[in-house]
Amino acid sequence: MAGVYSFRLAVTDNQSGIGADTVQVTILSNDLPEVNAEKDKILPLPFNSVTLSGTASDKDGIRSLKCLPAGRQGDRYQAQQQAMV
């Protein structure tokens, strides 16, 4: 979770001497990427292909972008891809 956290390290030696130090750790939030998958499409039969496009942006940069079927079809697609590896 984002925030500022303090940690204190305390040490006691064999003669009961004590030393301590505190460190602050700041955890920054990671804003989610902005994604736009354009408008829904209607595909009349007998057509069997469609072109999809969209946009994505993130201030930290984009590592990967995938277009996968959503819902149950997406689950089946991912299972098939894993089985092929």
Protein backbone atom coordinates (compact mmCIF):
# COMPACT_ATOMS: atom_id res chain seq x y z
CA MET A 1 0.00 0.00 0.00
CA ALA A 2 1.30 3.44 -0.88
CA GLY A 3 2.50 5.61 1.97
CA VAL A 4 5.46 6.52 4.18
CA TYR A 5 6.62 3.87 6.64
CA SER A 6 9.25 4.11 9.40
CA PHE A 7 11.37 1.21 10.63
CA ARG A 8 13.55 1.39 13.75
CA LEU A 9 16.53 -0.90 14.24
CA ALA A 10 17.65 -1.13 17.86
CA VAL A 11 20.71 -3.06 19.04
CA THR A 12 21.79 -3.88 22.58
CA ASP A 13 25.40 -5.01 23.09
CA ASN A 14 26.82 -7.37 25.72
CA GLN A 15 27.40 -4.48 28.15
CA SER A 16 23.81 -3.15 27.86
CA GLY A 17 24.78 -0.35 25.50
CA ILE A 18 21.97 0.55 23.11
CA GLY A 19 22.21 1.98 19.62
CA ALA A 20 19.32 2.70 17.29
CA ASP A 21 18.53 4.16 13.91
CA THR A 22 15.34 4.81 12.00
CA VAL A 23 14.80 4.59 8.26
CA GLN A 24 11.84 5.91 6.28
CA VAL A 25 10.54 3.97 3.29
CA THR A 26 8.25 5.76 0.85
CA ILE A 27 6.09 3.57 -1.37
CA LEU A 28 4.63 5.36 -4.38
CA SER A 29 1.32 4.38 -5.93
CA ASN A 30 1.24 2.88 -9.40
CA ASP A 31 -1.60 4.40 -11.39
CA LEU A 32 -3.30 1.91 -13.70
CA PRO A 33 -2.86 2.21 -17.47
CA GLU A 34 -5.60 4.00 -19.40
CA VAL A 35 -7.15 1.66 -22.00
CA ASN A 36 -9.75 2.32 -24.70
CA ALA A 37 -10.97 -0.61 -26.81
CA GLU A 38 -13.12 1.51 -29.16
CA LYS A 39 -16.82 0.91 -29.88
CA ASP A 40 -18.54 -2.49 -29.99
CA LYS A 41 -18.67 -4.22 -33.38
CA ILE A 42 -21.52 -6.05 -35.10
CA LEU A 43 -20.39 -8.75 -37.51
CA PRO A 44 -23.14 -10.07 -39.82
CA LEU A 45 -22.78 -13.60 -41.16
CA PRO A 46 -21.23 -14.96 -43.35
CA PHE A 47 -18.30 -12.60 -42.62
CA ASN A 48 -15.60 -14.30 -40.58
CA SER A 49 -13.17 -11.52 -39.73
CA VAL A 50 -13.15 -8.16 -38.02
CA THR A 51 -10.49 -5.52 -37.43
CA LEU A 52 -10.14 -4.33 -33.85
CA SER A 53 -8.17 -1.35 -32.63
CA GLY A 54 -7.68 0.54 -29.40
CA THR A 55 -5.32 2.71 -27.43
CA ALA A 56 -3.37 2.38 -24.20
CA SER A 57 -1.18 4.79 -22.26
CA ASP A 58 0.69 4.77 -18.96
CA LYS A 59 3.08 7.31 -17.45
CA ASP A 60 5.45 4.45 -16.49
CA GLY A 61 5.42 2.97 -20.02
CA ILE A 62 3.66 -0.08 -21.46
CA ARG A 63 5.34 -3.48 -21.08
CA SER A 64 2.83 -5.52 -23.09
CA LEU A 65 -0.48 -5.16 -24.89
CA LYS A 66 -2.69 -8.16 -25.74
CA CYS A 67 -6.05 -8.52 -27.42
CA LEU A 68 -7.82 -11.66 -26.14
CA PRO A 69 -11.42 -12.90 -26.25
CA ALA A 70 -13.29 -11.90 -23.07
CA GLY A 71 -15.44 -14.12 -20.84
CA ARG A 72 -15.70 -17.89 -21.30
CA GLN A 73 -14.25 -17.75 -24.80
CA GLY A 74 -11.21 -15.95 -23.36
CA ASP A 75 -10.78 -18.62 -20.68
CA ARG A 76 -10.90 -21.35 -23.34
CA TYR A 77 -8.45 -19.41 -25.56
CA GLN A 78 -5.96 -18.99 -22.70
CA ALA A 79 -6.21 -22.70 -21.82
CA GLN A 80 -5.49 -23.61 -25.45
CA GLN A 81 -2.46 -21.26 -25.52
CA GLN A 82 -1.09 -22.78 -22.30
CA ALA A 83 -1.56 -26.31 -23.67
CA MET A 84 0.50 -25.36 -26.76
CA VAL A 85 3.54 -24.34 -24.65
